[in-house]
Amino acid sequence: MTTHQAQPASAVVAFRPLVGAERAVEITDEQLHGRRCIGCGTDHQLVDAGHVYTPTGEAPLGWAVRSCAPCMAAD
């Protein structure tokens, strides 16, 4: 019997980085809650990277997100 590891659910959200233009990104729950890099998903040496916005019934809900240094430099 083969065991498959479940992939985390992802969502497409509006990302507003600290520097640069807003863009749509696909992220997981761990990235949404700032526990993993918004770019690559690592959990090492994270810094504030901006916010993502998820749709709600009335107005988008903002979430602070984080990035690792290599992904932050690549933006």
C-alpha atoms as a PDB file:
ATOM      1  CA  MET A   1       0.000   0.000   0.000  1.00  0.00           C
ATOM      2  CA  THR A   2       1.365   3.391  -1.005  1.00  0.00           C
ATOM      3  CA  THR A   3       0.871   6.311   1.364  1.00  0.00           C
ATOM      4  CA  HIS A   4       0.419   9.721  -0.221  1.00  0.00           C
ATOM      5  CA  GLN A   5       1.107  12.823   1.798  1.00  0.00           C
ATOM      6  CA  ALA A   6      -1.716  15.333   1.454  1.00  0.00           C
ATOM      7  CA  GLN A   7      -0.730  18.591  -0.197  1.00  0.00           C
ATOM      8  CA  PRO A   8      -1.718  21.751   1.664  1.00  0.00           C
ATOM      9  CA  ALA A   9      -4.709  23.558   0.205  1.00  0.00           C
ATOM     10  CA  SER A  10      -3.836  26.749  -1.608  1.00  0.00           C
ATOM     11  CA  ALA A  11      -5.664  29.897  -2.614  1.00  0.00           C
ATOM     12  CA  VAL A  12      -5.033  32.733  -5.041  1.00  0.00           C
ATOM     13  CA  VAL A  13      -4.849  36.053  -3.210  1.00  0.00           C
ATOM     14  CA  ALA A  14      -3.868  39.668  -3.903  1.00  0.00           C
ATOM     15  CA  PHE A  15      -0.291  40.264  -2.624  1.00  0.00           C
ATOM     16  CA  ARG A  16       0.801  43.819  -1.842  1.00  0.00           C
ATOM     17  CA  PRO A  17       4.551  43.635  -1.159  1.00  0.00           C
ATOM     18  CA  LEU A  18       6.354  46.307   0.847  1.00  0.00           C
ATOM     19  CA  VAL A  19       8.017  47.368  -2.426  1.00  0.00           C
ATOM     20  CA  GLY A  20       6.569  46.857  -5.882  1.00  0.00           C
ATOM     21  CA  ALA A  21       3.208  46.400  -7.515  1.00  0.00           C
ATOM     22  CA  GLU A  22       0.278  44.341  -6.272  1.00  0.00           C
ATOM     23  CA  ARG A  23       0.015  40.922  -7.915  1.00  0.00           C
ATOM     24  CA  ALA A  24      -1.955  37.703  -7.608  1.00  0.00           C
ATOM     25  CA  VAL A  25      -0.122  34.826  -5.885  1.00  0.00           C
ATOM     26  CA  GLU A  26      -1.073  31.296  -4.923  1.00  0.00           C
ATOM     27  CA  ILE A  27      -0.328  30.554  -1.270  1.00  0.00           C
ATOM     28  CA  THR A  28      -0.969  27.931   1.392  1.00  0.00           C
ATOM     29  CA  ASP A  29      -2.506  28.407   4.836  1.00  0.00           C
ATOM     30  CA  GLU A  30       0.995  28.379   6.394  1.00  0.00           C
ATOM     31  CA  GLN A  31       2.068  31.242   4.108  1.00  0.00           C
ATOM     32  CA  LEU A  32      -1.181  33.121   4.766  1.00  0.00           C
ATOM     33  CA  HIS A  33      -0.524  33.027   8.505  1.00  0.00           C
ATOM     34  CA  GLY A  34       3.118  34.168   8.151  1.00  0.00           C
ATOM     35  CA  ARG A  35       4.658  30.855   9.205  1.00  0.00           C
ATOM     36  CA  ARG A  36       6.287  30.249   5.806  1.00  0.00           C
ATOM     37  CA  CYS A  37       7.861  32.428   3.108  1.00  0.00           C
ATOM     38  CA  ILE A  38       5.332  33.941   0.709  1.00  0.00           C
ATOM     39  CA  GLY A  39       7.677  33.104  -2.191  1.00  0.00           C
ATOM     40  CA  CYS A  40       9.278  29.705  -1.643  1.00  0.00           C
ATOM     41  CA  GLY A  41       7.602  28.308   1.466  1.00  0.00           C
ATOM     42  CA  THR A  42      10.673  28.016   3.694  1.00  0.00           C
ATOM     43  CA  ASP A  43      10.361  28.711   7.410  1.00  0.00           C
ATOM     44  CA  HIS A  44      13.924  30.044   7.927  1.00  0.00           C
ATOM     45  CA  GLN A  45      14.876  33.641   8.754  1.00  0.00           C
ATOM     46  CA  LEU A  46      11.595  35.274   7.792  1.00  0.00           C
ATOM     47  CA  VAL A  47      11.042  39.029   7.648  1.00  0.00           C
ATOM     48  CA  ASP A  48       7.924  41.126   7.060  1.00  0.00           C
ATOM     49  CA  ALA A  49       7.059  41.194   3.347  1.00  0.00           C
ATOM     50  CA  GLY A  50       3.747  43.036   3.069  1.00  0.00           C
ATOM     51  CA  HIS A  51       0.137  41.871   3.086  1.00  0.00           C
ATOM     52  CA  VAL A  52      -2.167  39.574   1.178  1.00  0.00           C
ATOM     53  CA  TYR A  53      -5.888  40.190   0.888  1.00  0.00           C
ATOM     54  CA  THR A  54      -8.550  37.490   0.859  1.00  0.00           C
ATOM     55  CA  PRO A  55     -12.103  38.136  -0.316  1.00  0.00           C
ATOM     56  CA  THR A  56     -14.953  38.277   2.181  1.00  0.00           C
ATOM     57  CA  GLY A  57     -18.613  39.132   1.802  1.00  0.00           C
ATOM     58  CA  GLU A  58     -18.046  42.870   2.125  1.00  0.00           C
ATOM     59  CA  ALA A  59     -14.394  43.952   2.022  1.00  0.00           C
ATOM     60  CA  PRO A  60     -11.096  42.109   1.583  1.00  0.00           C
ATOM     61  CA  LEU A  61      -9.421  40.854   4.759  1.00  0.00           C
ATOM     62  CA  GLY A  62      -5.721  41.734   5.113  1.00  0.00           C
ATOM     63  CA  TRP A  63      -3.071  39.303   6.393  1.00  0.00           C
ATOM     64  CA  ALA A  64       0.548  40.209   7.217  1.00  0.00           C
ATOM     65  CA  VAL A  65       2.906  37.864   5.352  1.00  0.00           C
ATOM     66  CA  ARG A  66       6.619  37.113   5.604  1.00  0.00           C
ATOM     67  CA  SER A  67       9.482  36.331   3.221  1.00  0.00           C
ATOM     68  CA  CYS A  68      12.961  34.834   3.384  1.00  0.00           C
ATOM     69  CA  ALA A  69      15.903  37.058   2.364  1.00  0.00           C
ATOM     70  CA  PRO A  70      16.494  35.402  -1.062  1.00  0.00           C
ATOM     71  CA  CYS A  71      12.839  35.799  -2.082  1.00  0.00           C
ATOM     72  CA  MET A  72      12.735  39.374  -0.745  1.00  0.00           C
ATOM     73  CA  ALA A  73      15.851  40.230  -2.808  1.00  0.00           C
ATOM     74  CA  ALA A  74      14.308  38.665  -5.926  1.00  0.00           C
ATOM     75  CA  ASP A  75      11.247  40.958  -5.834  1.00  0.00           C
END
